[in-house]
Amino acid sequence: MISKFLEKRIEILPQEIKEDPGNPLELEYYLVECDSKEEECNTAQKGYGIEIIKKNNGEVLESILIRNIYSTREKSENLIKKLFVNSVTPVSLPYILDDLIGV
């Protein structure tokens, strides 16, 4: 079973957006917990991952879910903090993870 926990929701104000300065964007960062008993988790132990959702006026524009990045909740929470402090978007998450942890 996969469980999601909202860790942080941030709003990017229009003056910070270069391509579309009219509407603010929301980024939501979730901690994803994957129980080892489920086939979709594909791991022998409990794993923790990340989901980032980018929204505009409540409509989902982009999202990404990456499971089983770490086996501890604490490491995953610390990673999420780094991501939201730097306003990482769903599109850039794979590149950022590659740089940070070599995933």
N, C-alpha and C. Protein backbone atom coordinates (compact mmCIF):
# COMPACT_ATOMS: atom_id res chain seq x y z
N MET A 1 0.84 -1.18 0.00
CA MET A 1 0.00 0.00 0.00
C MET A 1 0.89 1.25 0.00
N ILE A 2 0.50 2.20 -0.79
CA ILE A 2 1.23 3.46 -0.86
C ILE A 2 0.46 4.51 -0.07
N SER A 3 1.16 5.20 0.81
CA SER A 3 0.57 6.30 1.58
C SER A 3 1.30 7.59 1.22
N LYS A 4 0.54 8.68 1.12
CA LYS A 4 1.12 9.98 0.81
C LYS A 4 0.84 10.94 1.95
N PHE A 5 1.85 11.75 2.28
CA PHE A 5 1.73 12.74 3.34
C PHE A 5 2.21 14.08 2.79
N LEU A 6 1.32 15.08 2.80
CA LEU A 6 1.70 16.41 2.34
C LEU A 6 2.71 17.00 3.31
N GLU A 7 3.89 17.31 2.80
CA GLU A 7 4.94 17.90 3.63
C GLU A 7 4.96 19.43 3.52
N LYS A 8 4.73 19.94 2.31
CA LYS A 8 4.79 21.38 2.12
C LYS A 8 4.03 21.78 0.86
N ARG A 9 3.37 22.91 0.94
CA ARG A 9 2.70 23.52 -0.21
C ARG A 9 3.25 24.94 -0.32
N ILE A 10 3.77 25.28 -1.50
CA ILE A 10 4.28 26.63 -1.68
C ILE A 10 3.60 27.26 -2.89
N GLU A 11 3.55 28.58 -2.87
CA GLU A 11 2.97 29.33 -3.98
C GLU A 11 4.07 30.19 -4.58
N ILE A 12 4.20 30.12 -5.90
CA ILE A 12 5.16 30.95 -6.60
C ILE A 12 4.38 32.13 -7.16
N LEU A 13 4.74 33.31 -6.72
CA LEU A 13 4.01 34.52 -7.08
C LEU A 13 4.26 34.91 -8.53
N PRO A 14 3.30 35.61 -9.15
CA PRO A 14 3.41 35.95 -10.58
C PRO A 14 4.71 36.65 -10.97
N GLN A 15 5.24 37.54 -10.14
CA GLN A 15 6.45 38.27 -10.51
C GLN A 15 7.68 37.35 -10.54
N GLU A 16 7.57 36.15 -9.95
CA GLU A 16 8.67 35.20 -9.95
C GLU A 16 8.63 34.27 -11.17
N ILE A 17 7.55 34.30 -11.94
CA ILE A 17 7.37 33.40 -13.07
C ILE A 17 7.67 34.17 -14.36
N LYS A 18 8.66 33.69 -15.10
CA LYS A 18 9.07 34.40 -16.31
C LYS A 18 8.14 34.14 -17.49
N GLU A 19 7.73 32.87 -17.70
CA GLU A 19 6.97 32.56 -18.91
C GLU A 19 5.50 32.98 -18.85
N ASP A 20 4.87 32.98 -17.69
CA ASP A 20 3.46 33.37 -17.58
C ASP A 20 3.27 34.17 -16.30
N PRO A 21 3.48 35.48 -16.37
CA PRO A 21 3.43 36.30 -15.16
C PRO A 21 2.02 36.56 -14.63
N GLY A 22 0.97 36.01 -15.25
CA GLY A 22 -0.39 36.31 -14.85
C GLY A 22 -0.94 35.49 -13.70
N ASN A 23 -0.58 34.21 -13.61
CA ASN A 23 -1.18 33.34 -12.62
C ASN A 23 -0.14 32.75 -11.68
N PRO A 24 -0.43 32.73 -10.37
CA PRO A 24 0.50 32.08 -9.45
C PRO A 24 0.44 30.56 -9.61
N LEU A 25 1.53 29.91 -9.34
CA LEU A 25 1.61 28.45 -9.38
C LEU A 25 1.73 27.91 -7.98
N GLU A 26 1.22 26.71 -7.76
CA GLU A 26 1.38 26.02 -6.48
C GLU A 26 2.23 24.78 -6.72
N LEU A 27 3.12 24.52 -5.78
CA LEU A 27 3.89 23.28 -5.79
C LEU A 27 3.58 22.56 -4.48
N GLU A 28 3.23 21.28 -4.59
CA GLU A 28 2.95 20.46 -3.42
C GLU A 28 3.98 19.34 -3.36
N TYR A 29 4.55 19.15 -2.18
CA TYR A 29 5.59 18.14 -1.97
C TYR A 29 5.06 17.09 -0.99
N TYR A 30 5.05 15.86 -1.44
CA TYR A 30 4.53 14.75 -0.64
C TYR A 30 5.63 13.75 -0.31
N LEU A 31 5.57 13.24 0.91
CA LEU A 31 6.37 12.09 1.30
C LEU A 31 5.53 10.87 0.95
N VAL A 32 6.11 9.93 0.23
CA VAL A 32 5.42 8.73 -0.21
C VAL A 32 6.02 7.54 0.53
N GLU A 33 5.15 6.81 1.24
CA GLU A 33 5.58 5.63 2.00
C GLU A 33 5.04 4.39 1.31
N CYS A 34 5.92 3.46 1.01
CA CYS A 34 5.54 2.26 0.29
C CYS A 34 5.77 1.04 1.20
N ASP A 35 4.70 0.33 1.49
CA ASP A 35 4.78 -0.85 2.34
C ASP A 35 5.36 -2.01 1.54
N SER A 36 6.31 -2.71 2.11
CA SER A 36 7.03 -3.77 1.41
C SER A 36 6.15 -4.94 1.00
N LYS A 37 4.98 -5.06 1.56
CA LYS A 37 4.10 -6.20 1.26
C LYS A 37 3.40 -6.07 -0.09
N GLU A 38 3.39 -4.89 -0.66
CA GLU A 38 2.67 -4.65 -1.92
C GLU A 38 3.57 -4.89 -3.12
N GLU A 39 3.02 -5.48 -4.16
CA GLU A 39 3.77 -5.75 -5.39
C GLU A 39 4.26 -4.46 -6.06
N GLU A 40 3.44 -3.43 -6.05
CA GLU A 40 3.81 -2.19 -6.72
C GLU A 40 4.99 -1.49 -6.08
N CYS A 41 5.33 -1.85 -4.85
CA CYS A 41 6.45 -1.22 -4.16
C CYS A 41 7.79 -1.79 -4.59
N ASN A 42 7.82 -3.07 -4.94
CA ASN A 42 9.00 -3.70 -5.50
C ASN A 42 10.23 -3.57 -4.59
N THR A 43 10.05 -3.78 -3.31
CA THR A 43 11.17 -3.71 -2.36
C THR A 43 10.93 -4.67 -1.21
N ALA A 44 12.01 -5.10 -0.56
CA ALA A 44 11.90 -6.05 0.54
C ALA A 44 11.57 -5.37 1.86
N GLN A 45 11.76 -4.08 1.94
CA GLN A 45 11.46 -3.35 3.17
C GLN A 45 10.64 -2.11 2.84
N LYS A 46 10.24 -1.40 3.86
CA LYS A 46 9.48 -0.17 3.65
C LYS A 46 10.37 0.85 2.95
N GLY A 47 9.83 1.49 1.93
CA GLY A 47 10.60 2.48 1.18
C GLY A 47 9.89 3.83 1.19
N TYR A 48 10.68 4.87 1.02
CA TYR A 48 10.14 6.23 1.03
C TYR A 48 10.55 6.95 -0.24
N GLY A 49 9.60 7.66 -0.79
CA GLY A 49 9.84 8.41 -2.01
C GLY A 49 9.22 9.79 -1.93
N ILE A 50 9.09 10.39 -3.10
CA ILE A 50 8.64 11.78 -3.20
C ILE A 50 7.64 11.91 -4.34
N GLU A 51 6.65 12.75 -4.13
CA GLU A 51 5.78 13.17 -5.22
C GLU A 51 5.73 14.69 -5.20
N ILE A 52 5.86 15.28 -6.38
CA ILE A 52 5.72 16.73 -6.52
C ILE A 52 4.59 16.98 -7.52
N ILE A 53 3.69 17.88 -7.16
CA ILE A 53 2.57 18.24 -8.03
C ILE A 53 2.61 19.75 -8.25
N LYS A 54 2.56 20.14 -9.52
CA LYS A 54 2.52 21.56 -9.89
C LYS A 54 1.11 21.88 -10.35
N LYS A 55 0.50 22.93 -9.75
CA LYS A 55 -0.87 23.31 -10.06
C LYS A 55 -0.96 24.78 -10.44
N ASN A 56 -1.99 25.08 -11.23
CA ASN A 56 -2.33 26.45 -11.57
C ASN A 56 -3.84 26.57 -11.41
N ASN A 57 -4.30 27.42 -10.51
CA ASN A 57 -5.73 27.58 -10.22
C ASN A 57 -6.40 26.26 -9.88
N GLY A 58 -5.72 25.39 -9.14
CA GLY A 58 -6.28 24.11 -8.73
C GLY A 58 -6.17 23.00 -9.76
N GLU A 59 -5.76 23.33 -10.96
CA GLU A 59 -5.63 22.33 -12.03
C GLU A 59 -4.20 21.79 -12.06
N VAL A 60 -4.07 20.47 -12.08
CA VAL A 60 -2.75 19.84 -12.10
C VAL A 60 -2.13 20.04 -13.48
N LEU A 61 -0.95 20.65 -13.49
CA LEU A 61 -0.21 20.86 -14.74
C LEU A 61 0.83 19.78 -14.96
N GLU A 62 1.52 19.41 -13.88
CA GLU A 62 2.57 18.41 -13.94
C GLU A 62 2.59 17.67 -12.62
N SER A 63 3.04 16.42 -12.67
CA SER A 63 3.28 15.69 -11.43
C SER A 63 4.29 14.59 -11.70
N ILE A 64 4.98 14.20 -10.65
CA ILE A 64 5.92 13.09 -10.74
C ILE A 64 5.95 12.38 -9.39
N LEU A 65 6.03 11.07 -9.45
CA LEU A 65 6.12 10.23 -8.25
C LEU A 65 7.33 9.32 -8.43
N ILE A 66 8.23 9.38 -7.49
CA ILE A 66 9.39 8.49 -7.50
C ILE A 66 9.40 7.74 -6.18
N ARG A 67 9.29 6.42 -6.28
CA ARG A 67 9.22 5.56 -5.10
C ARG A 67 10.61 5.08 -4.68
N ASN A 68 10.69 4.68 -3.42
CA ASN A 68 11.85 3.96 -2.89
C ASN A 68 13.19 4.66 -3.12
N ILE A 69 13.25 5.93 -2.80
CA ILE A 69 14.51 6.66 -2.89
C ILE A 69 15.37 6.29 -1.68
N TYR A 70 14.75 6.27 -0.51
CA TYR A 70 15.45 5.93 0.74
C TYR A 70 14.64 4.89 1.50
N SER A 71 15.32 4.25 2.44
CA SER A 71 14.64 3.28 3.30
C SER A 71 14.32 3.88 4.67
N THR A 72 14.66 5.15 4.87
CA THR A 72 14.32 5.80 6.13
C THR A 72 13.50 7.07 5.87
N ARG A 73 12.56 7.29 6.74
CA ARG A 73 11.68 8.46 6.62
C ARG A 73 12.46 9.76 6.80
N GLU A 74 13.38 9.76 7.75
CA GLU A 74 14.15 10.97 8.06
C GLU A 74 14.94 11.48 6.85
N LYS A 75 15.61 10.59 6.14
CA LYS A 75 16.38 10.99 4.96
C LYS A 75 15.45 11.56 3.88
N SER A 76 14.30 10.94 3.73
CA SER A 76 13.34 11.41 2.73
C SER A 76 12.79 12.78 3.10
N GLU A 77 12.50 13.00 4.36
CA GLU A 77 12.00 14.30 4.81
C GLU A 77 13.06 15.39 4.60
N ASN A 78 14.32 15.07 4.88
CA ASN A 78 15.40 16.04 4.66
C ASN A 78 15.54 16.38 3.18
N LEU A 79 15.39 15.38 2.33
CA LEU A 79 15.45 15.62 0.89
C LEU A 79 14.31 16.52 0.44
N ILE A 80 13.12 16.25 0.93
CA ILE A 80 11.96 17.08 0.56
C ILE A 80 12.18 18.53 0.98
N LYS A 81 12.77 18.74 2.15
CA LYS A 81 13.06 20.11 2.60
C LYS A 81 13.98 20.82 1.61
N LYS A 82 15.00 20.14 1.13
CA LYS A 82 15.90 20.73 0.14
C LYS A 82 15.14 21.08 -1.13
N LEU A 83 14.23 20.20 -1.52
CA LEU A 83 13.49 20.41 -2.76
C LEU A 83 12.56 21.61 -2.67
N PHE A 84 11.81 21.75 -1.56
CA PHE A 84 10.88 22.87 -1.51
C PHE A 84 11.57 24.19 -1.23
N VAL A 85 12.69 24.17 -0.53
CA VAL A 85 13.45 25.41 -0.32
C VAL A 85 13.92 25.97 -1.66
N ASN A 86 14.22 25.08 -2.59
CA ASN A 86 14.70 25.49 -3.91
C ASN A 86 13.62 25.47 -4.99
N SER A 87 12.37 25.29 -4.60
CA SER A 87 11.21 25.30 -5.52
C SER A 87 11.41 24.36 -6.71
N VAL A 88 11.83 23.14 -6.43
CA VAL A 88 12.03 22.15 -7.49
C VAL A 88 10.68 21.73 -8.06
N THR A 89 10.59 21.68 -9.38
CA THR A 89 9.35 21.33 -10.06
C THR A 89 9.38 19.85 -10.47
N PRO A 90 8.22 19.31 -10.86
CA PRO A 90 8.18 17.90 -11.28
C PRO A 90 9.13 17.59 -12.44
N VAL A 91 9.21 18.49 -13.40
CA VAL A 91 10.06 18.25 -14.57
C VAL A 91 11.54 18.17 -14.19
N SER A 92 11.96 18.97 -13.24
CA SER A 92 13.38 19.00 -12.88
C SER A 92 13.77 17.98 -11.81
N LEU A 93 12.80 17.33 -11.17
CA LEU A 93 13.11 16.40 -10.08
C LEU A 93 14.08 15.29 -10.48
N PRO A 94 13.91 14.58 -11.59
CA PRO A 94 14.87 13.51 -11.92
C PRO A 94 16.31 14.01 -12.04
N TYR A 95 16.50 15.19 -12.60
CA TYR A 95 17.84 15.75 -12.76
C TYR A 95 18.44 16.14 -11.41
N ILE A 96 17.61 16.69 -10.55
CA ILE A 96 18.06 17.08 -9.21
C ILE A 96 18.44 15.85 -8.40
N LEU A 97 17.61 14.81 -8.46
CA LEU A 97 17.92 13.58 -7.73
C LEU A 97 19.20 12.94 -8.25
N ASP A 98 19.41 13.00 -9.55
CA ASP A 98 20.64 12.45 -10.12
C ASP A 98 21.85 13.20 -9.57
N ASP A 99 21.76 14.50 -9.47
CA ASP A 99 22.86 15.29 -8.93
C ASP A 99 23.07 15.06 -7.43
N LEU A 100 21.97 14.98 -6.68
CA LEU A 100 22.07 14.85 -5.22
C LEU A 100 22.46 13.46 -4.75
N ILE A 101 21.82 12.44 -5.33
CA ILE A 101 22.04 11.09 -4.79
C ILE A 101 22.37 10.05 -5.85
N GLY A 102 22.45 10.45 -7.09
CA GLY A 102 22.82 9.53 -8.15
C GLY A 102 21.78 8.48 -8.47
N VAL A 103 20.49 8.88 -8.40
CA VAL A 103 19.40 7.94 -8.71
C VAL A 103 19.22 7.85 -10.21
